[in-house]
């Protein structure tokens, strides 16, 4: 298991937001800190998650390669995920 390092920060929030967050944390039976960490983590999550190196593309998706136009080298250079999916990246 990877060790998680945490850093303390000070954030100023309106009292009504804090009270609502406390109530939500209570509903989920977790600490306010855990609740806020989950909310912020979800808010800053990338729109497209990074694919693992061992990600396998299904044959059905690979069969679409003849239907969808091939990307240009510039598009591949600008999008690591696209290059990886097409087998042209690291």
C-alpha atoms as a PDB file:
ATOM      1  CA  UNK A   1       0.000   0.000   0.000  1.00  0.00           C
ATOM      2  CA  UNK A   2       1.312   3.416  -0.949  1.00  0.00           C
ATOM      3  CA  UNK A   3       1.800   5.946   1.846  1.00  0.00           C
ATOM      4  CA  UNK A   4      -0.304   9.071   1.541  1.00  0.00           C
ATOM      5  CA  UNK A   5       1.255  12.315   2.654  1.00  0.00           C
ATOM      6  CA  UNK A   6      -1.150  15.004   3.735  1.00  0.00           C
ATOM      7  CA  UNK A   7      -0.637  18.702   4.161  1.00  0.00           C
ATOM      8  CA  UNK A   8      -2.528  20.991   6.465  1.00  0.00           C
ATOM      9  CA  UNK A   9      -4.208  24.005   4.857  1.00  0.00           C
ATOM     10  CA  UNK A  10      -6.392  26.812   6.112  1.00  0.00           C
ATOM     11  CA  UNK A  11      -9.535  27.540   4.111  1.00  0.00           C
ATOM     12  CA  UNK A  12     -12.055  30.210   4.991  1.00  0.00           C
ATOM     13  CA  UNK A  13     -15.657  29.190   4.304  1.00  0.00           C
ATOM     14  CA  UNK A  14     -18.991  30.758   5.113  1.00  0.00           C
ATOM     15  CA  UNK A  15     -20.578  29.407   8.294  1.00  0.00           C
ATOM     16  CA  UNK A  16     -23.624  28.024   6.431  1.00  0.00           C
ATOM     17  CA  UNK A  17     -21.367  25.993   4.118  1.00  0.00           C
ATOM     18  CA  UNK A  18     -19.476  24.565   7.072  1.00  0.00           C
ATOM     19  CA  UNK A  19     -22.720  23.608   8.822  1.00  0.00           C
ATOM     20  CA  UNK A  20     -24.091  21.893   5.713  1.00  0.00           C
ATOM     21  CA  UNK A  21     -20.788  20.053   5.224  1.00  0.00           C
ATOM     22  CA  UNK A  22     -20.834  18.923   8.871  1.00  0.00           C
ATOM     23  CA  UNK A  23     -24.372  17.610   8.388  1.00  0.00           C
ATOM     24  CA  UNK A  24     -23.399  15.723   5.227  1.00  0.00           C
ATOM     25  CA  UNK A  25     -20.367  14.228   6.990  1.00  0.00           C
ATOM     26  CA  UNK A  26     -22.636  13.163   9.846  1.00  0.00           C
ATOM     27  CA  UNK A  27     -25.050  11.555   7.348  1.00  0.00           C
ATOM     28  CA  UNK A  28     -22.203   9.528   5.839  1.00  0.00           C
ATOM     29  CA  UNK A  29     -20.810   8.770   9.305  1.00  0.00           C
ATOM     30  CA  UNK A  30     -17.395  10.212   8.444  1.00  0.00           C
ATOM     31  CA  UNK A  31     -15.358  13.118   9.733  1.00  0.00           C
ATOM     32  CA  UNK A  32     -15.728  16.603   8.317  1.00  0.00           C
ATOM     33  CA  UNK A  33     -12.150  16.347   7.073  1.00  0.00           C
ATOM     34  CA  UNK A  34     -12.877  13.077   5.230  1.00  0.00           C
ATOM     35  CA  UNK A  35     -16.010  14.545   3.682  1.00  0.00           C
ATOM     36  CA  UNK A  36     -14.287  17.728   2.488  1.00  0.00           C
ATOM     37  CA  UNK A  37     -11.332  15.748   1.145  1.00  0.00           C
ATOM     38  CA  UNK A  38     -13.734  13.552  -0.855  1.00  0.00           C
ATOM     39  CA  UNK A  39     -15.649  16.558  -2.223  1.00  0.00           C
ATOM     40  CA  UNK A  40     -12.479  18.382  -3.286  1.00  0.00           C
ATOM     41  CA  UNK A  41     -10.957  15.195  -4.720  1.00  0.00           C
ATOM     42  CA  UNK A  42     -14.051  14.638  -6.860  1.00  0.00           C
ATOM     43  CA  UNK A  43     -14.095  18.284  -7.971  1.00  0.00           C
ATOM     44  CA  UNK A  44     -10.496  18.238  -9.213  1.00  0.00           C
ATOM     45  CA  UNK A  45     -10.595  14.774 -10.809  1.00  0.00           C
ATOM     46  CA  UNK A  46      -9.469  14.769 -14.445  1.00  0.00           C
ATOM     47  CA  UNK A  47     -12.298  14.555 -16.979  1.00  0.00           C
ATOM     48  CA  UNK A  48     -10.583  11.566 -18.604  1.00  0.00           C
ATOM     49  CA  UNK A  49      -8.726   9.333 -16.160  1.00  0.00           C
ATOM     50  CA  UNK A  50      -5.203   8.229 -16.991  1.00  0.00           C
ATOM     51  CA  UNK A  51      -5.106   4.716 -18.393  1.00  0.00           C
ATOM     52  CA  UNK A  52      -2.873   2.135 -16.729  1.00  0.00           C
ATOM     53  CA  UNK A  53       0.127   0.899 -18.730  1.00  0.00           C
ATOM     54  CA  UNK A  54      -1.359  -2.616 -18.945  1.00  0.00           C
ATOM     55  CA  UNK A  55      -4.728  -1.389 -20.303  1.00  0.00           C
ATOM     56  CA  UNK A  56      -6.018  -3.746 -22.995  1.00  0.00           C
ATOM     57  CA  UNK A  57      -8.182  -2.473 -25.838  1.00  0.00           C
ATOM     58  CA  UNK A  58     -11.070  -4.751 -26.794  1.00  0.00           C
ATOM     59  CA  UNK A  59     -11.092  -6.199 -30.330  1.00  0.00           C
ATOM     60  CA  UNK A  60     -14.427  -4.458 -30.990  1.00  0.00           C
ATOM     61  CA  UNK A  61     -12.859  -1.049 -30.299  1.00  0.00           C
ATOM     62  CA  UNK A  62      -9.789  -1.923 -32.373  1.00  0.00           C
ATOM     63  CA  UNK A  63     -12.109  -2.864 -35.257  1.00  0.00           C
ATOM     64  CA  UNK A  64     -13.295   0.751 -35.336  1.00  0.00           C
ATOM     65  CA  UNK A  65      -9.834   1.879 -36.419  1.00  0.00           C
ATOM     66  CA  UNK A  66     -10.811   1.518 -40.070  1.00  0.00           C
ATOM     67  CA  UNK A  67     -13.990   3.580 -39.602  1.00  0.00           C
ATOM     68  CA  UNK A  68     -12.723   6.510 -37.549  1.00  0.00           C
ATOM     69  CA  UNK A  69     -10.209   8.725 -39.388  1.00  0.00           C
ATOM     70  CA  UNK A  70      -6.645   8.414 -38.153  1.00  0.00           C
ATOM     71  CA  UNK A  71      -5.378  11.338 -36.062  1.00  0.00           C
ATOM     72  CA  UNK A  72      -2.645  13.583 -37.358  1.00  0.00           C
ATOM     73  CA  UNK A  73       0.835  13.451 -35.791  1.00  0.00           C
ATOM     74  CA  UNK A  74       0.086  16.846 -34.216  1.00  0.00           C
ATOM     75  CA  UNK A  75      -3.039  15.468 -32.544  1.00  0.00           C
ATOM     76  CA  UNK A  76      -1.091  12.480 -31.209  1.00  0.00           C
ATOM     77  CA  UNK A  77       1.657  14.742 -29.880  1.00  0.00           C
ATOM     78  CA  UNK A  78      -0.916  16.916 -28.103  1.00  0.00           C
ATOM     79  CA  UNK A  79      -2.889  14.044 -26.539  1.00  0.00           C
ATOM     80  CA  UNK A  80      -0.950  11.390 -24.605  1.00  0.00           C
ATOM     81  CA  UNK A  81      -4.091   9.342 -23.949  1.00  0.00           C
ATOM     82  CA  UNK A  82      -4.994   9.191 -27.623  1.00  0.00           C
ATOM     83  CA  UNK A  83      -1.455   8.179 -28.552  1.00  0.00           C
ATOM     84  CA  UNK A  84      -1.479   5.502 -25.834  1.00  0.00           C
ATOM     85  CA  UNK A  85      -4.854   4.118 -26.902  1.00  0.00           C
ATOM     86  CA  UNK A  86      -3.685   3.867 -30.494  1.00  0.00           C
ATOM     87  CA  UNK A  87      -0.453   2.170 -29.442  1.00  0.00           C
ATOM     88  CA  UNK A  88       1.716   5.087 -30.526  1.00  0.00           C
ATOM     89  CA  UNK A  89       2.610   6.374 -27.064  1.00  0.00           C
ATOM     90  CA  UNK A  90       4.572   5.246 -24.033  1.00  0.00           C
END
